[in-house]
Amino acid sequence: MMRKLFIIVTLCSVTLYGCATNPVTGKRELGLVPTSSELEIGKQQYIPSRQMEGGDYTIDKELTEYVSGVGQRLAAVSDRKLPYEFAVLNNSIPNAWALPGGKIAINRGLLTELKNEAELAAVLGHEIVHAAARHGAKGMERGIFLQGAVALAGIASQGSGYANLAVQGSQIAAGLINQKYGRNAELESDLYGMKYMSRAGYDPKAAISVQETFLRLSEEAGRETDWLSGLFSSHPPSQERIDVNRVTAKTLPEGGELGVQRFQKKIAYIMKTRNAYEAYDNGIKALSKGKTGEALALAKKAISGEPKEGQFHALVGDINMKQQQYQNALKSYNKAVELNNEFFYFFVQRGLSKQKLGDQHGARTDLEKSTKLLPTATAMNALGNMSLAQGNQQEALQYFKIASSSNSEVGRQAEQSFIRLDMRQQPNNYIKTRINLTQKRYVVIMVANPTPIAVQNVKVKILYPDTQGKVMEIVKDVSNILSPGKSTIIETGLGPVENTNILRYMRVNVIRADVTE
């Protein structure tokens, strides 16, 4: 699947599909990404995108049905017919996003900041326009999407904490959902989103009130990371957007539904349990600072407020893992999976706890299950270590290679494990050499170690032509340990060289390099 997706990306990047009419604005514009690619990328990336942002909110399924109903009401009057889908994510950060092809999500944390259904329609209508007007596809065309897939550390969501662990094609999802839209795209989404609201029977002025709320919250939040990494980062509010929305509202019919009571009824449950999620979020922060006692107290408070939330039990498991209480951790992860068996993280952590307890089969089953939901460096690295312990080096290499693509600590660990294994088979791929001449015109070889791992017992084979044109060879040893980033010089004894052209026919191969333990 990853290979297929990158083929699509490559085609999108290099194939010119010519001019096309934007279905929303009616303007002629370049279209490098065909509709078929938009649809396929959205379809492939929707599940991993939701997983890395906290997974679906599953406790109150009626809430998702309600949000989807509002979204489909707007989609029905939009200017582009796409297979729209709407999901509510289990994430406290106020955010919403759209993938190409009409795949849209809104966080639980944003729903609790809205006052009525019309404001919800304003948010969803805005995201529908991003998909319908090809804003995500245009970002891909500009190369933002490819940069995001490579530089995950800079775009990973601070709230979920999972984006930087994504590997394989899921890295693309991280780039798509975290890309920042430009001013023109935001104003365009506001304009046509309000038109869709009006067509669907909602009061378009709600788009003004929701932007006023967002602007106020962004100013109050200041430098609070969670807020800035969410909606205000990818969809920055501004007084300009409010002013433009006021002008737009005057061009649209007066009135329309607000749906205050209906909306408040539908979000009543998440409002009731809001404090439990706040305790959980604070517990996550406490654990990240090593405050296990405080984190456990907050996790228990969260569970008492909402015992049906798997993430709360998983937090207890994480605390137990930190304390090396692996049996207790397993019990907590079992409870998390029992409550929600559709979230990758619970399977990753349960697999790791089983591994610690010696249940290798159970660990592998859980870790493999997690990668079906979201392939992560954590799971791939653990599977690599298990394969290595079982003597399957080739399989271990494959797992470590995948995990090493993650810009995370575990990704760097996997990279070192990969190099340690692969170095034995292909030392020439890692240890670099260069042929030089001394001032007295004798041949020396510079041997460098650019890897993050120290090596020893390095041997190099030097091939060179003699005066009769016959290929000769000599083998030289590096006597000292080559630390990461260090180099040394080997004297070959060849020379003095009168004609430097001979250097063009010399070859140096590294035939051995042992990793220091």
Protein backbone atom coordinates (compact mmCIF):
# COMPACT_ATOMS: atom_id res chain seq x y z
CA MET A 1 0.00 0.00 0.00
CA MET A 2 2.83 2.40 0.85
CA ARG A 3 4.45 1.80 -2.57
CA LYS A 4 1.14 2.40 -4.30
CA LEU A 5 0.60 5.64 -2.42
CA PHE A 6 4.04 6.98 -3.23
CA ILE A 7 3.44 6.16 -6.89
CA ILE A 8 0.33 8.31 -6.70
CA VAL A 9 2.29 11.11 -5.03
CA THR A 10 5.01 10.93 -7.65
CA LEU A 11 2.48 11.07 -10.45
CA CYS A 12 0.81 14.00 -8.76
CA SER A 13 4.15 15.79 -8.54
CA VAL A 14 5.44 15.30 -12.04
CA THR A 15 2.42 14.86 -14.31
CA LEU A 16 0.69 17.94 -15.62
CA TYR A 17 -3.05 17.40 -15.90
CA GLY A 18 -3.58 20.87 -17.32
CA CYS A 19 -6.10 23.47 -16.36
CA ALA A 20 -9.33 22.57 -14.63
CA THR A 21 -12.30 24.48 -13.29
CA ASN A 22 -12.47 24.67 -9.51
CA PRO A 23 -15.90 23.19 -8.67
CA VAL A 24 -16.42 25.66 -5.82
CA THR A 25 -15.12 28.96 -7.14
CA GLY A 26 -15.62 28.34 -10.85
CA LYS A 27 -12.12 29.67 -11.52
CA ARG A 28 -9.70 28.06 -13.96
CA GLU A 29 -6.59 26.76 -12.26
CA LEU A 30 -3.82 24.23 -12.67
CA GLY A 31 -4.80 20.75 -11.54
CA LEU A 32 -1.81 18.49 -10.89
CA VAL A 33 -3.70 16.07 -8.64
CA PRO A 34 -6.56 14.23 -10.37
CA THR A 35 -9.81 13.52 -8.53
CA SER A 36 -9.04 9.79 -8.49
CA SER A 37 -5.86 10.46 -6.48
CA GLU A 38 -7.67 12.79 -4.09
CA LEU A 39 -10.26 10.11 -3.41
CA GLU A 40 -7.73 7.33 -2.94
CA ILE A 41 -5.43 9.32 -0.68
CA GLY A 42 -8.35 10.44 1.48
CA LYS A 43 -9.65 6.88 1.72
CA GLN A 44 -6.25 5.41 2.60
CA GLN A 45 -5.30 8.09 5.12
CA TYR A 46 -8.60 8.56 6.98
CA ILE A 47 -8.12 5.73 9.49
CA PRO A 48 -4.45 6.42 10.33
CA SER A 49 -5.23 10.15 10.57
CA ARG A 50 -7.94 9.50 13.12
CA GLN A 51 -5.79 7.02 15.03
CA MET A 52 -2.84 9.38 15.45
CA GLU A 53 -5.17 12.13 16.67
CA GLY A 54 -6.60 10.08 19.54
CA GLY A 55 -8.91 7.67 17.75
CA ASP A 56 -12.67 7.88 17.37
CA TYR A 57 -14.77 8.97 20.32
CA THR A 58 -16.83 5.80 20.84
CA ILE A 59 -18.58 6.20 24.18
CA ASP A 60 -21.44 8.36 22.86
CA LYS A 61 -22.03 7.00 19.35
CA GLU A 62 -25.14 9.15 18.99
CA LEU A 63 -22.91 12.22 19.09
CA THR A 64 -21.00 11.05 16.02
CA GLU A 65 -24.27 10.26 14.24
CA TYR A 66 -25.51 13.75 15.06
CA VAL A 67 -22.34 15.47 13.82
CA SER A 68 -22.40 13.34 10.69
CA GLY A 69 -26.02 14.32 10.08
CA VAL A 70 -25.15 18.02 10.25
CA GLY A 71 -22.20 17.45 7.95
CA GLN A 72 -24.22 15.53 5.38
CA ARG A 73 -26.89 18.25 5.42
CA LEU A 74 -24.22 20.73 4.37
CA ALA A 75 -22.54 18.34 1.94
CA ALA A 76 -25.84 17.89 0.14
CA VAL A 77 -25.82 21.58 -0.88
CA SER A 78 -22.09 21.84 -1.58
CA ASP A 79 -20.68 22.48 -5.03
CA ARG A 80 -18.77 19.23 -5.28
CA LYS A 81 -20.15 15.77 -4.73
CA LEU A 82 -17.61 13.71 -2.80
CA PRO A 83 -17.96 10.64 -0.54
CA TYR A 84 -18.04 12.86 2.57
CA GLU A 85 -17.51 11.24 5.95
CA PHE A 86 -17.48 12.86 9.38
CA ALA A 87 -15.90 11.58 12.60
CA VAL A 88 -15.65 12.83 16.19
CA LEU A 89 -12.17 12.26 17.62
CA ASN A 90 -11.30 11.52 21.23
CA ASN A 91 -9.03 14.52 21.62
CA SER A 92 -9.42 17.49 23.97
CA ILE A 93 -7.59 19.95 21.71
CA PRO A 94 -10.03 22.19 19.80
CA ASN A 95 -9.41 21.24 16.19
CA ALA A 96 -11.03 20.08 12.96
CA TRP A 97 -9.49 19.00 9.68
CA ALA A 98 -10.30 17.72 6.22
CA LEU A 99 -8.43 15.31 3.98
CA PRO A 100 -8.66 15.34 0.19
CA GLY A 101 -11.72 13.45 -0.97
CA GLY A 102 -14.08 14.75 1.72
CA LYS A 103 -12.85 12.90 4.83
CA ILE A 104 -13.49 15.24 7.76
CA ALA A 105 -12.98 15.05 11.54
CA ILE A 106 -13.74 17.27 14.51
CA ASN A 107 -12.30 16.87 17.99
CA ARG A 108 -14.35 16.37 21.11
CA GLY A 109 -12.49 19.37 22.51
CA LEU A 110 -13.83 21.67 19.81
CA LEU A 111 -17.44 20.58 20.25
CA THR A 112 -17.36 21.69 23.87
CA GLU A 113 -16.39 25.22 22.78
CA LEU A 114 -19.38 25.69 20.45
CA LYS A 115 -22.71 27.16 21.49
CA ASN A 116 -25.19 25.84 18.92
CA GLU A 117 -25.69 23.66 15.87
CA ALA A 118 -25.23 26.56 13.49
CA GLU A 119 -21.72 27.10 14.86
CA LEU A 120 -21.05 23.40 14.32
CA ALA A 121 -22.32 23.86 10.77
CA ALA A 122 -19.92 26.79 10.36
CA VAL A 123 -16.96 24.59 11.34
CA LEU A 124 -18.02 21.64 9.19
CA GLY A 125 -18.96 23.85 6.26
CA HIS A 126 -15.52 25.43 6.41
CA GLU A 127 -13.88 21.99 6.29
CA ILE A 128 -16.16 20.84 3.45
CA VAL A 129 -14.91 23.75 1.38
CA HIS A 130 -11.29 22.83 2.10
CA ALA A 131 -12.02 19.41 0.60
CA ALA A 132 -14.34 20.56 -2.18
CA ALA A 133 -12.11 23.44 -3.35
CA ARG A 134 -9.06 21.17 -3.38
CA HIS A 135 -7.12 23.12 -0.75
CA GLY A 136 -5.46 19.95 0.54
CA ALA A 137 -4.62 18.86 -3.01
CA LYS A 138 -3.13 22.27 -3.72
CA GLY A 139 -0.97 21.90 -0.62
CA MET A 140 0.27 18.61 -2.04
CA GLU A 141 1.04 20.30 -5.32
CA ARG A 142 3.09 22.97 -3.58
CA GLY A 143 5.16 20.29 -1.91
CA ILE A 144 3.91 21.10 1.60
CA PHE A 145 2.60 17.58 1.88
CA LEU A 146 5.90 15.93 0.99
CA GLN A 147 7.82 18.20 3.36
CA GLY A 148 5.39 17.32 6.13
CA ALA A 149 5.87 13.59 5.55
CA VAL A 150 9.62 14.01 6.00
CA ALA A 151 9.74 16.58 8.79
CA LEU A 152 7.25 15.08 11.19
CA ALA A 153 8.87 16.52 14.29
CA GLY A 154 7.91 20.02 13.25
CA ILE A 155 4.27 19.30 12.51
CA ALA A 156 3.32 16.58 14.97
CA SER A 157 0.28 17.41 17.05
CA GLN A 158 1.25 18.28 20.61
CA GLY A 159 -2.06 16.97 21.89
CA SER A 160 -2.09 13.41 20.64
CA GLY A 161 1.65 12.78 20.84
CA TYR A 162 1.38 9.98 18.27
CA ALA A 163 2.07 11.67 14.93
CA ASN A 164 5.85 11.57 15.31
CA LEU A 165 5.68 7.79 15.84
CA ALA A 166 3.90 7.16 12.55
CA VAL A 167 5.77 5.21 9.89
CA GLN A 168 5.18 4.07 6.33
CA GLY A 169 2.31 5.80 4.51
CA SER A 170 0.86 7.11 7.77
CA GLN A 171 3.53 9.79 7.81
CA ILE A 172 1.67 11.30 4.87
CA ALA A 173 -1.45 11.55 7.01
CA ALA A 174 0.48 13.56 9.59
CA GLY A 175 1.53 16.03 6.91
CA LEU A 176 -1.98 16.37 5.50
CA ILE A 177 -3.88 16.99 8.73
CA ASN A 178 -1.30 19.40 10.11
CA GLN A 179 -0.70 21.51 7.02
CA LYS A 180 -1.35 25.20 7.50
CA TYR A 181 -3.75 26.83 5.08
CA GLY A 182 -2.95 30.22 3.63
CA ARG A 183 -4.97 33.38 4.08
CA ASN A 184 -6.76 33.05 0.75
CA ALA A 185 -7.78 29.45 1.43
CA GLU A 186 -9.17 30.39 4.85
CA LEU A 187 -11.17 33.32 3.50
CA GLU A 188 -12.44 31.19 0.63
CA SER A 189 -13.56 28.45 3.03
CA ASP A 190 -15.31 31.02 5.22
CA LEU A 191 -17.13 32.54 2.24
CA TYR A 192 -18.43 29.36 0.64
CA GLY A 193 -18.94 27.67 4.00
CA MET A 194 -21.37 30.47 4.91
CA LYS A 195 -23.12 30.02 1.57
CA TYR A 196 -23.55 26.33 2.28
CA MET A 197 -24.90 27.16 5.74
CA SER A 198 -27.50 29.44 4.21
CA ARG A 199 -28.47 26.89 1.57
CA ALA A 200 -28.87 24.23 4.25
CA GLY A 201 -31.13 26.48 6.34
CA TYR A 202 -28.66 27.57 9.04
CA ASP A 203 -28.11 31.13 10.19
CA PRO A 204 -24.81 32.10 8.50
CA LYS A 205 -24.16 34.69 11.21
CA ALA A 206 -23.07 31.79 13.40
CA ALA A 207 -19.86 31.80 11.36
CA ILE A 208 -19.22 35.27 12.78
CA SER A 209 -19.90 34.29 16.39
CA VAL A 210 -17.75 31.17 16.19
CA GLN A 211 -14.84 33.18 14.77
CA GLU A 212 -15.27 35.76 17.53
CA THR A 213 -15.06 32.94 20.07
CA PHE A 214 -11.94 31.50 18.44
CA LEU A 215 -10.24 34.90 18.31
CA ARG A 216 -10.99 35.53 21.96
CA LEU A 217 -9.76 32.08 22.99
CA SER A 218 -6.59 32.43 20.93
CA GLU A 219 -5.82 35.73 22.65
CA GLU A 220 -6.57 34.26 26.08
CA ALA A 221 -4.52 31.15 25.33
CA GLY A 222 -1.41 33.17 24.58
CA ARG A 223 1.43 30.68 24.38
CA GLU A 224 -0.52 27.66 25.62
CA THR A 225 0.84 24.92 23.38
CA ASP A 226 -2.28 22.76 23.15
CA TRP A 227 -4.39 25.58 21.73
CA LEU A 228 -1.74 26.84 19.35
CA SER A 229 -1.02 23.35 18.03
CA GLY A 230 -4.69 22.79 17.29
CA LEU A 231 -7.23 24.88 15.47
CA PHE A 232 -5.39 28.18 15.84
CA SER A 233 -2.27 26.80 14.18
CA SER A 234 -3.86 25.31 11.07
CA HIS A 235 -6.84 27.69 10.93
CA PRO A 236 -5.62 30.95 12.49
CA PRO A 237 -8.47 33.25 13.53
CA SER A 238 -8.20 36.96 12.84
CA GLN A 239 -10.20 40.16 13.01
CA GLU A 240 -10.01 40.25 9.23
CA ARG A 241 -11.92 36.98 8.96
CA ILE A 242 -14.59 38.27 11.31
CA ASP A 243 -14.96 41.51 9.35
CA VAL A 244 -15.15 39.68 6.01
CA ASN A 245 -17.73 37.26 7.43
CA ARG A 246 -19.89 40.21 8.50
CA VAL A 247 -19.81 41.55 4.96
CA THR A 248 -20.66 38.10 3.57
CA ALA A 249 -23.60 37.72 5.97
CA LYS A 250 -25.19 40.89 4.55
CA THR A 251 -25.27 39.30 1.09
CA LEU A 252 -27.12 36.20 2.33
CA PRO A 253 -30.80 35.78 3.31
CA GLU A 254 -31.68 36.81 6.86
CA GLY A 255 -32.50 34.21 9.50
CA GLY A 256 -31.99 30.49 9.59
CA GLU A 257 -31.67 27.86 12.30
CA LEU A 258 -29.38 28.16 15.28
CA GLY A 259 -30.38 24.85 16.88
CA VAL A 260 -29.34 25.82 20.40
CA GLN A 261 -31.42 23.35 22.38
CA ARG A 262 -30.81 20.45 19.99
CA PHE A 263 -27.05 21.03 20.07
CA GLN A 264 -26.85 21.39 23.86
CA LYS A 265 -28.80 18.17 24.28
CA LYS A 266 -26.48 16.29 21.95
CA ILE A 267 -23.27 17.48 23.66
CA ALA A 268 -24.65 17.13 27.19
CA TYR A 269 -22.72 13.93 27.85
CA ILE A 270 -19.31 15.25 26.81
CA MET A 271 -19.97 18.38 28.84
CA LYS A 272 -20.85 16.22 31.85
CA THR A 273 -17.58 14.27 31.55
CA ARG A 274 -15.42 17.24 30.56
CA ASN A 275 -13.71 17.44 33.95
CA ALA A 276 -12.74 13.77 33.72
CA TYR A 277 -10.92 14.39 30.45
CA GLU A 278 -9.27 17.47 31.90
CA ALA A 279 -7.93 15.32 34.74
CA TYR A 280 -6.68 12.78 32.19
CA ASP A 281 -4.94 15.44 30.11
CA ASN A 282 -3.23 16.77 33.22
CA GLY A 283 -2.29 13.22 34.18
CA ILE A 284 -0.57 12.73 30.82
CA LYS A 285 1.43 15.91 31.40
CA ALA A 286 2.36 14.84 34.93
CA LEU A 287 3.58 11.44 33.73
CA SER A 288 5.67 13.07 31.00
CA LYS A 289 7.44 14.97 33.79
CA GLY A 290 8.02 11.80 35.79
CA LYS A 291 5.43 12.65 38.46
CA THR A 292 3.92 9.16 38.70
CA GLY A 293 2.12 9.75 42.00
CA GLU A 294 0.37 12.86 40.72
CA ALA A 295 -0.40 11.17 37.41
CA LEU A 296 -1.97 8.16 39.14
CA ALA A 297 -4.18 10.38 41.32
CA LEU A 298 -5.38 12.25 38.23
CA ALA A 299 -5.99 8.99 36.33
CA LYS A 300 -8.12 7.66 39.19
CA LYS A 301 -10.05 10.95 39.26
CA ALA A 302 -10.65 10.63 35.53
CA ILE A 303 -11.87 7.02 35.87
CA SER A 304 -14.25 7.96 38.66
CA GLY A 305 -15.73 10.62 36.39
CA GLU A 306 -15.94 8.36 33.31
CA PRO A 307 -15.24 4.66 33.97
CA LYS A 308 -16.05 3.73 30.34
CA GLU A 309 -13.09 5.60 28.82
CA GLY A 310 -10.31 3.24 27.74
CA GLN A 311 -7.69 6.01 27.58
CA PHE A 312 -8.03 6.59 31.32
CA HIS A 313 -7.27 2.93 32.09
CA ALA A 314 -4.40 2.99 29.60
CA LEU A 315 -2.90 5.92 31.51
CA VAL A 316 -2.89 3.76 34.66
CA GLY A 317 -1.17 1.08 32.60
CA ASP A 318 1.44 3.57 31.41
CA ILE A 319 2.14 4.56 35.00
CA ASN A 320 2.48 0.89 35.98
CA MET A 321 4.90 0.33 33.08
CA LYS A 322 6.97 3.29 34.29
CA GLN A 323 7.06 1.66 37.74
CA GLN A 324 7.93 -1.75 36.18
CA GLN A 325 4.70 -3.22 37.54
CA TYR A 326 4.04 -5.15 34.36
CA GLN A 327 1.27 -7.44 35.63
CA ASN A 328 -0.74 -4.47 36.87
CA ALA A 329 -0.07 -2.68 33.58
CA LEU A 330 -1.44 -5.67 31.65
CA LYS A 331 -4.65 -5.60 33.68
CA SER A 332 -5.16 -1.92 32.87
CA TYR A 333 -4.48 -2.42 29.16
CA ASN A 334 -6.85 -5.39 29.10
CA LYS A 335 -9.54 -3.09 30.48
CA ALA A 336 -8.73 -0.43 27.90
CA VAL A 337 -9.03 -2.93 25.05
CA GLU A 338 -12.26 -4.29 26.53
CA LEU A 339 -13.72 -0.79 26.44
CA ASN A 340 -12.38 0.12 23.00
CA ASN A 341 -10.77 -2.45 20.71
CA GLU A 342 -10.39 -0.02 17.82
CA PHE A 343 -7.53 2.15 19.10
CA PHE A 344 -3.96 1.23 18.18
CA TYR A 345 -2.29 2.51 21.35
CA PHE A 346 -3.97 0.03 23.66
CA PHE A 347 -2.65 -2.89 21.59
CA VAL A 348 0.86 -1.42 21.40
CA GLN A 349 1.07 -1.00 25.16
CA ARG A 350 -0.56 -4.32 25.95
CA GLY A 351 1.89 -5.99 23.58
CA LEU A 352 4.84 -4.33 25.32
CA SER A 353 3.59 -5.39 28.75
CA LYS A 354 3.15 -8.98 27.53
CA GLN A 355 6.68 -8.89 26.13
CA LYS A 356 8.00 -7.85 29.54
CA LEU A 357 6.08 -10.74 31.12
CA GLY A 358 7.56 -13.26 28.68
CA ASP A 359 4.42 -13.84 26.61
CA GLN A 360 6.12 -13.45 23.24
CA HIS A 361 3.26 -14.91 21.19
CA GLY A 362 0.68 -12.67 22.85
CA ALA A 363 2.98 -9.67 22.48
CA ARG A 364 3.49 -10.27 18.75
CA THR A 365 -0.26 -10.71 18.20
CA ASP A 366 -1.07 -7.39 19.88
CA LEU A 367 1.76 -5.48 18.21
CA GLU A 368 0.78 -6.76 14.77
CA LYS A 369 -2.85 -5.85 15.49
CA SER A 370 -1.76 -2.31 16.36
CA THR A 371 0.03 -1.88 13.04
CA LYS A 372 -3.19 -2.66 11.18
CA LEU A 373 -4.72 0.41 12.83
CA LEU A 374 -1.63 2.62 12.77
CA PRO A 375 1.88 1.45 11.91
CA THR A 376 4.21 3.00 14.48
CA ALA A 377 7.91 2.97 15.23
CA THR A 378 7.17 1.65 18.72
CA ALA A 379 5.45 -1.49 17.44
CA MET A 380 7.84 -2.05 14.53
CA ASN A 381 10.90 -1.69 16.76
CA ALA A 382 9.49 -4.12 19.32
CA LEU A 383 8.64 -6.62 16.57
CA GLY A 384 12.18 -6.22 15.25
CA ASN A 385 13.66 -7.01 18.65
CA MET A 386 11.41 -10.07 18.97
CA SER A 387 12.41 -11.34 15.51
CA LEU A 388 16.07 -10.81 16.38
CA ALA A 389 15.67 -12.75 19.63
CA GLN A 390 14.14 -15.60 17.61
CA GLY A 391 17.11 -15.61 15.24
CA ASN A 392 15.28 -14.18 12.24
CA GLN A 393 17.71 -11.43 11.27
CA GLN A 394 16.20 -10.67 7.88
CA GLU A 395 12.75 -10.11 9.34
CA ALA A 396 14.28 -8.00 12.11
CA LEU A 397 16.05 -5.87 9.51
CA GLN A 398 12.75 -5.18 7.76
CA TYR A 399 11.04 -4.10 10.99
CA PHE A 400 13.96 -1.92 12.09
CA LYS A 401 14.16 -0.26 8.68
CA ILE A 402 10.48 0.72 8.81
CA ALA A 403 10.74 1.95 12.40
CA SER A 404 13.85 4.02 11.65
CA SER A 405 11.85 6.31 9.34
CA SER A 406 10.22 7.86 12.42
CA ASN A 407 11.74 11.08 13.75
CA SER A 408 11.47 9.94 17.36
CA GLU A 409 13.67 8.45 20.05
CA VAL A 410 12.41 4.95 19.31
CA GLY A 411 13.01 5.63 15.61
CA ARG A 412 16.63 6.46 16.36
CA GLN A 413 16.95 3.30 18.45
CA ALA A 414 15.62 1.28 15.52
CA GLU A 415 18.09 2.97 13.19
CA GLN A 416 20.97 1.89 15.40
CA SER A 417 19.61 -1.66 15.58
CA PHE A 418 19.29 -1.74 11.80
CA ILE A 419 22.84 -0.49 11.29
CA ARG A 420 24.21 -2.99 13.81
CA LEU A 421 22.67 -5.87 11.87
CA ASP A 422 23.21 -4.60 8.35
CA MET A 423 26.79 -3.51 9.01
CA ARG A 424 27.82 -7.16 9.31
CA GLN A 425 26.48 -7.91 5.86
CA GLN A 426 27.21 -4.67 4.03
CA PRO A 427 29.93 -2.68 5.83
CA ASN A 428 30.76 -0.84 2.62
CA ASN A 429 27.34 0.85 2.79
CA TYR A 430 28.23 2.54 6.07
CA ILE A 431 31.97 3.07 6.41
CA LYS A 432 33.15 5.68 3.91
CA THR A 433 36.54 5.83 2.22
CA ARG A 434 38.46 8.31 0.11
CA ILE A 435 41.77 7.98 -1.76
CA ASN A 436 44.31 10.76 -1.15
CA LEU A 437 47.96 11.47 -1.88
CA THR A 438 50.49 12.66 0.68
CA GLN A 439 52.90 15.47 -0.06
CA LYS A 440 55.44 12.79 -0.98
CA ARG A 441 52.87 11.36 -3.42
CA TYR A 442 52.17 8.14 -1.51
CA VAL A 443 48.62 6.75 -1.54
CA VAL A 444 46.69 6.90 1.71
CA ILE A 445 43.08 5.99 2.43
CA MET A 446 40.88 8.10 4.65
CA VAL A 447 38.36 5.87 6.46
CA ALA A 448 35.37 7.61 8.08
CA ASN A 449 32.49 6.45 10.26
CA PRO A 450 29.43 8.69 9.70
CA THR A 451 27.10 6.34 11.61
CA PRO A 452 25.93 6.84 15.22
CA ILE A 453 27.68 3.59 16.25
CA ALA A 454 31.34 2.94 17.08
CA VAL A 455 33.06 0.24 15.01
CA GLN A 456 36.26 -1.77 15.26
CA ASN A 457 38.28 -4.35 13.29
CA VAL A 458 37.70 -2.41 10.09
CA LYS A 459 39.31 -3.97 7.03
CA VAL A 460 39.56 -2.39 3.60
CA LYS A 461 40.48 -4.02 0.31
CA ILE A 462 42.40 -1.81 -2.12
CA LEU A 463 42.34 -2.73 -5.82
CA TYR A 464 44.87 -1.07 -8.11
CA PRO A 465 46.50 -1.70 -11.50
CA ASP A 466 50.21 -2.53 -11.62
CA THR A 467 52.58 -1.30 -14.33
CA GLN A 468 51.43 -4.14 -16.63
CA GLY A 469 47.76 -3.27 -16.16
CA LYS A 470 47.09 -6.30 -13.97
CA VAL A 471 44.67 -5.72 -11.10
CA MET A 472 46.37 -6.17 -7.75
CA GLU A 473 44.90 -6.08 -4.28
CA ILE A 474 46.01 -5.46 -0.74
CA VAL A 475 44.06 -5.60 2.51
CA LYS A 476 44.67 -3.08 5.27
CA ASP A 477 43.39 -2.92 8.83
CA VAL A 478 42.25 0.03 10.90
CA SER A 479 43.97 -0.61 14.19
CA ASN A 480 41.90 1.72 16.35
CA ILE A 481 38.20 1.99 17.18
CA LEU A 482 36.33 4.37 14.92
CA SER A 483 33.92 6.39 17.05
CA PRO A 484 30.77 7.94 15.54
CA GLY A 485 31.66 10.83 13.26
CA LYS A 486 35.40 10.12 13.40
CA SER A 487 37.92 9.25 10.68
CA THR A 488 41.43 7.92 10.36
CA ILE A 489 44.17 7.57 7.74
CA ILE A 490 45.56 4.25 6.46
CA GLU A 491 48.99 4.14 4.80
CA THR A 492 48.98 1.78 1.81
CA GLY A 493 52.68 1.77 1.00
CA LEU A 494 51.82 2.48 -2.63
CA GLY A 495 53.89 5.17 -4.30
CA PRO A 496 55.36 7.49 -5.03
CA VAL A 497 52.75 8.06 -7.74
CA GLU A 498 54.04 9.88 -10.81
CA ASN A 499 50.83 9.85 -12.86
CA THR A 500 47.77 10.78 -10.80
CA ASN A 501 45.49 9.30 -13.49
CA ILE A 502 46.15 5.94 -11.92
CA LEU A 503 44.04 7.01 -8.94
CA ARG A 504 40.99 6.93 -11.20
CA TYR A 505 41.41 3.17 -11.54
CA MET A 506 41.88 2.44 -7.86
CA ARG A 507 38.98 1.05 -5.86
CA VAL A 508 38.54 0.71 -2.10
CA ASN A 509 35.98 -1.60 -0.51
CA VAL A 510 35.27 -1.99 3.17
CA ILE A 511 35.09 -5.76 3.71
CA ARG A 512 34.69 -5.82 7.48
CA ALA A 513 33.47 -3.59 10.29
CA ASP A 514 32.46 -4.93 13.68
CA VAL A 515 30.11 -2.99 15.91
CA THR A 516 31.62 -2.38 19.33
CA GLU A 517 29.53 -3.75 22.16
